[in-house]
């Protein structure tokens, strides 16, 4: 298994590090470092409160959670999936 170093930033104080929500989950859940309300079709950059150091030849992807993408329409631009 490849080790990925994660550093908590000042705005991430008190947030959990990314973690698997269930034993069968394919990816880790990433938390937002602040709360906001978006209007329909509005976009924003959302801080995560962490910085990661990926090893060479690896990538990290941010994808929408299917339940949020389908029902209220919260998604990530250019993301695969719903």
Protein backbone atom coordinates (compact mmCIF):
# COMPACT_ATOMS: atom_id res chain seq x y z
CA UNK A 1 0.00 0.00 0.00
CA UNK A 2 1.29 3.47 -0.90
CA UNK A 3 1.68 6.03 1.86
CA UNK A 4 0.19 9.49 1.27
CA UNK A 5 1.32 12.23 3.62
CA UNK A 6 -1.44 14.55 4.85
CA UNK A 7 -0.88 17.84 6.65
CA UNK A 8 -3.65 19.64 8.51
CA UNK A 9 -3.78 23.36 7.62
CA UNK A 10 -4.77 26.13 10.02
CA UNK A 11 -8.30 26.29 8.56
CA UNK A 12 -8.74 22.53 9.10
CA UNK A 13 -8.35 22.56 12.87
CA UNK A 14 -10.85 20.14 14.38
CA UNK A 15 -11.78 18.46 11.06
CA UNK A 16 -11.41 14.72 10.58
CA UNK A 17 -8.85 13.59 8.05
CA UNK A 18 -10.32 11.94 4.92
CA UNK A 19 -11.72 8.52 5.84
CA UNK A 20 -13.83 5.67 4.47
CA UNK A 21 -17.49 6.05 5.48
CA UNK A 22 -18.20 2.31 5.12
CA UNK A 23 -16.12 -0.85 4.81
CA UNK A 24 -17.09 -1.24 1.13
CA UNK A 25 -16.46 2.37 0.12
CA UNK A 26 -14.32 2.93 -2.99
CA UNK A 27 -13.02 6.33 -1.88
CA UNK A 28 -12.46 8.47 1.16
CA UNK A 29 -14.86 11.18 2.30
CA UNK A 30 -13.31 14.65 2.24
CA UNK A 31 -14.70 17.32 4.55
CA UNK A 32 -15.11 21.02 3.88
CA UNK A 33 -13.21 23.46 6.09
CA UNK A 34 -16.03 26.00 6.03
CA UNK A 35 -19.78 26.11 5.58
CA UNK A 36 -21.58 28.00 2.85
CA UNK A 37 -24.94 28.16 1.11
CA UNK A 38 -24.99 28.20 -2.68
CA UNK A 39 -27.76 29.57 -4.85
CA UNK A 40 -28.87 27.50 -7.87
CA UNK A 41 -26.06 27.28 -10.46
CA UNK A 42 -23.67 29.14 -8.15
CA UNK A 43 -20.10 27.84 -7.78
CA UNK A 44 -17.39 28.34 -5.20
CA UNK A 45 -13.96 27.08 -4.23
CA UNK A 46 -14.26 25.09 -1.02
CA UNK A 47 -11.21 24.72 1.23
CA UNK A 48 -10.55 21.24 2.66
CA UNK A 49 -8.26 22.17 5.54
CA UNK A 50 -5.57 19.73 4.40
CA UNK A 51 -2.60 19.50 2.06
CA UNK A 52 -1.48 16.17 0.60
CA UNK A 53 1.86 14.99 -0.78
CA UNK A 54 1.18 12.41 -3.46
CA UNK A 55 3.95 10.03 -4.48
CA UNK A 56 5.12 10.09 -8.10
CA UNK A 57 2.77 8.39 -10.59
CA UNK A 58 -0.30 8.76 -8.32
CA UNK A 59 -3.29 11.07 -8.47
CA UNK A 60 -6.08 12.22 -6.19
CA UNK A 61 -9.57 12.95 -7.48
CA UNK A 62 -12.41 14.92 -5.95
CA UNK A 63 -15.76 13.46 -7.01
CA UNK A 64 -19.31 14.34 -6.06
CA UNK A 65 -21.17 12.07 -3.69
CA UNK A 66 -23.89 10.42 -5.71
CA UNK A 67 -26.65 11.25 -3.24
CA UNK A 68 -25.76 14.96 -3.32
CA UNK A 69 -25.23 15.07 -7.07
CA UNK A 70 -28.56 13.45 -7.94
CA UNK A 71 -30.99 14.94 -5.42
CA UNK A 72 -29.99 18.58 -4.70
CA UNK A 73 -27.59 18.87 -7.65
CA UNK A 74 -24.34 19.48 -5.74
CA UNK A 75 -21.48 18.39 -7.97
CA UNK A 76 -17.86 19.00 -8.96
CA UNK A 77 -17.20 20.58 -12.40
CA UNK A 78 -15.74 18.12 -14.92
CA UNK A 79 -16.22 15.18 -12.56
CA UNK A 80 -17.20 11.73 -13.80
CA UNK A 81 -20.50 10.28 -12.63
CA UNK A 82 -23.94 11.84 -12.07
